[in-house]
């Protein structure tokens, strides 16, 4: 019976947070972000908050990729991830840019263009979204095949900063 009280106390602490808490749980996917200018987190986001968010994003990217891949990303500016579903296809991921689809000679791409656009639902620092995109391309290519929008040119992503 003691474990039940302990669990109930933890649940109260997690779910009964007041608005005055220092670190409330954020749920940005519940909001509509269409009103924001591209490459922005909003007018109330200060330059210090941008800097802090980018610093945290670098930590997230390094922790997600590991030191070796993160160093490679910093040195060459991209990571190539071979497709597991499409022989001869490699996804070139670059921070803040569209995915470049690279084909080996003789391989067939399911897309008419060489760039794929996937934007986050809400504003995120570029490196943090890159880390998420890397995991999707590496582990959930099926989702990439469903949601990526083929594009004829390269461009910066719209909801990253």
Protein backbone atom coordinates (compact mmCIF):
# COMPACT_ATOMS: atom_id res chain seq x y z
CA UNK A 1 0.00 0.00 0.00
CA UNK A 2 2.93 2.34 0.57
CA UNK A 3 3.97 2.16 -3.10
CA UNK A 4 0.47 3.32 -4.08
CA UNK A 5 0.74 6.46 -1.94
CA UNK A 6 4.19 7.16 -3.34
CA UNK A 7 2.88 6.81 -6.90
CA UNK A 8 -0.10 9.05 -6.16
CA UNK A 9 2.20 11.72 -4.67
CA UNK A 10 4.42 11.66 -7.78
CA UNK A 11 1.40 11.98 -10.06
CA UNK A 12 0.13 14.96 -8.09
CA UNK A 13 3.54 16.60 -8.40
CA UNK A 14 3.66 15.98 -12.15
CA UNK A 15 0.12 16.91 -13.13
CA UNK A 16 -0.91 19.54 -10.59
CA UNK A 17 1.67 22.14 -11.49
CA UNK A 18 0.62 25.73 -11.07
CA UNK A 19 1.30 28.50 -13.59
CA UNK A 20 3.90 29.90 -11.19
CA UNK A 21 6.20 26.88 -11.52
CA UNK A 22 9.68 27.68 -12.78
CA UNK A 23 9.57 24.95 -15.45
CA UNK A 24 6.01 24.26 -16.60
CA UNK A 25 5.44 21.48 -19.09
CA UNK A 26 5.33 22.92 -22.59
CA UNK A 27 2.90 21.55 -25.15
CA UNK A 28 3.68 23.60 -28.27
CA UNK A 29 1.94 21.18 -30.63
CA UNK A 30 -1.41 22.30 -29.16
CA UNK A 31 -1.00 25.81 -30.57
CA UNK A 32 -1.29 27.18 -34.07
CA UNK A 33 1.99 28.69 -35.29
CA UNK A 34 0.90 29.89 -38.73
CA UNK A 35 0.91 33.55 -37.65
CA UNK A 36 4.67 33.63 -36.97
CA UNK A 37 7.15 34.82 -39.55
CA UNK A 38 9.42 32.10 -40.93
CA UNK A 39 12.61 31.33 -39.05
CA UNK A 40 11.25 32.91 -35.88
CA UNK A 41 10.05 31.75 -32.46
CA UNK A 42 7.81 34.78 -32.11
CA UNK A 43 8.05 38.46 -31.22
CA UNK A 44 8.21 37.81 -27.48
CA UNK A 45 11.34 35.64 -27.81
CA UNK A 46 14.39 37.68 -26.75
CA UNK A 47 17.89 37.36 -28.20
CA UNK A 48 19.03 35.78 -24.91
CA UNK A 49 16.26 33.17 -25.24
CA UNK A 50 17.33 32.42 -28.82
CA UNK A 51 20.92 31.95 -27.64
CA UNK A 52 19.83 29.70 -24.77
CA UNK A 53 17.58 27.63 -27.07
CA UNK A 54 20.41 27.19 -29.60
CA UNK A 55 22.86 26.16 -26.87
CA UNK A 56 20.39 23.54 -25.59
CA UNK A 57 19.80 22.39 -29.18
CA UNK A 58 23.53 21.78 -29.65
CA UNK A 59 23.54 19.68 -26.48
CA UNK A 60 20.52 17.70 -27.74
CA UNK A 61 22.15 17.13 -31.13
CA UNK A 62 25.44 15.99 -29.57
CA UNK A 63 23.65 13.65 -27.16
CA UNK A 64 21.46 12.25 -29.94
CA UNK A 65 24.18 11.75 -32.53
CA UNK A 66 27.07 10.89 -30.24
CA UNK A 67 30.42 12.64 -30.23
CA UNK A 68 31.79 10.98 -33.38
CA UNK A 69 28.80 11.76 -35.65
CA UNK A 70 28.41 15.24 -34.18
CA UNK A 71 32.08 15.97 -34.92
CA UNK A 72 31.62 14.70 -38.49
CA UNK A 73 28.57 16.94 -38.89
CA UNK A 74 30.53 19.96 -37.66
CA UNK A 75 33.48 19.18 -39.94
CA UNK A 76 31.67 18.44 -43.20
CA UNK A 77 28.35 20.25 -42.65
CA UNK A 78 26.14 17.23 -43.40
CA UNK A 79 25.51 13.58 -42.59
CA UNK A 80 24.69 10.96 -45.20
CA UNK A 81 22.20 8.29 -44.14
CA UNK A 82 21.76 5.36 -46.53
CA UNK A 83 18.19 4.27 -47.14
CA UNK A 84 17.18 0.90 -45.76
CA UNK A 85 14.07 0.72 -47.95
CA UNK A 86 15.36 2.05 -51.28
CA UNK A 87 18.54 0.51 -52.71
CA UNK A 88 21.04 3.08 -53.98
CA UNK A 89 19.36 6.03 -52.23
CA UNK A 90 21.17 8.12 -49.64
CA UNK A 91 19.65 10.99 -47.65
CA UNK A 92 21.99 13.93 -47.13
CA UNK A 93 20.94 15.80 -43.99
CA UNK A 94 22.10 19.36 -43.37
CA UNK A 95 21.24 21.56 -40.42
CA UNK A 96 18.35 23.90 -41.24
CA UNK A 97 18.02 22.75 -44.87
CA UNK A 98 15.84 20.39 -46.87
CA UNK A 99 16.85 16.73 -47.18
CA UNK A 100 18.85 16.08 -50.31
CA UNK A 101 18.12 12.75 -52.01
CA UNK A 102 21.26 11.32 -53.62
CA UNK A 103 21.05 8.40 -56.02
CA UNK A 104 23.70 5.91 -57.02
CA UNK A 105 24.12 5.41 -60.74
CA UNK A 106 21.22 3.32 -62.05
CA UNK A 107 19.06 3.55 -58.92
CA UNK A 108 15.50 4.82 -59.08
CA UNK A 109 14.07 7.40 -56.72
CA UNK A 110 10.36 7.42 -55.85
CA UNK A 111 10.41 11.23 -55.95
CA UNK A 112 10.47 13.44 -59.05
CA UNK A 113 12.84 15.95 -57.38
CA UNK A 114 16.08 15.72 -55.41
CA UNK A 115 14.95 17.60 -52.30
CA UNK A 116 12.45 16.65 -49.61
CA UNK A 117 10.77 19.16 -47.35
CA UNK A 118 9.76 18.29 -43.81
CA UNK A 119 9.16 21.17 -41.40
CA UNK A 120 8.53 20.88 -37.67
CA UNK A 121 5.01 21.56 -36.42
CA UNK A 122 6.23 24.37 -34.16
CA UNK A 123 9.37 26.56 -34.09
CA UNK A 124 12.53 24.70 -33.06
CA UNK A 125 16.24 25.47 -33.13
CA UNK A 126 17.81 24.07 -36.31
CA UNK A 127 20.16 21.63 -34.58
CA UNK A 128 17.41 20.18 -32.40
CA UNK A 129 15.18 19.52 -35.41
CA UNK A 130 18.19 18.08 -37.27
CA UNK A 131 18.67 15.52 -34.47
CA UNK A 132 14.99 14.53 -34.65
CA UNK A 133 15.11 14.30 -38.43
CA UNK A 134 18.25 12.14 -38.27
CA UNK A 135 16.45 9.64 -36.02
CA UNK A 136 13.42 9.58 -38.31
CA UNK A 137 15.51 8.99 -41.43
CA UNK A 138 17.62 6.34 -39.71
CA UNK A 139 14.91 4.49 -37.78
CA UNK A 140 11.51 5.45 -39.26
CA UNK A 141 12.08 5.84 -42.97
CA UNK A 142 8.51 4.69 -43.53
CA UNK A 143 7.31 7.99 -42.08
CA UNK A 144 9.71 9.96 -44.30
CA UNK A 145 8.35 8.12 -47.34
CA UNK A 146 4.79 9.14 -46.36
CA UNK A 147 5.15 12.75 -45.27
CA UNK A 148 8.11 14.24 -47.15
CA UNK A 149 7.13 16.73 -49.84
CA UNK A 150 9.38 16.55 -52.92
CA UNK A 151 10.78 19.93 -53.94
CA UNK A 152 12.68 21.01 -57.07
CA UNK A 153 15.13 23.25 -55.19
CA UNK A 154 16.98 23.51 -51.90
CA UNK A 155 15.87 25.98 -49.27
CA UNK A 156 16.06 26.75 -45.56
CA UNK A 157 13.35 25.15 -43.44
CA UNK A 158 10.51 27.46 -42.44
CA UNK A 159 9.92 26.72 -38.77
CA UNK A 160 13.47 26.51 -37.52
CA UNK A 161 15.59 29.32 -36.18
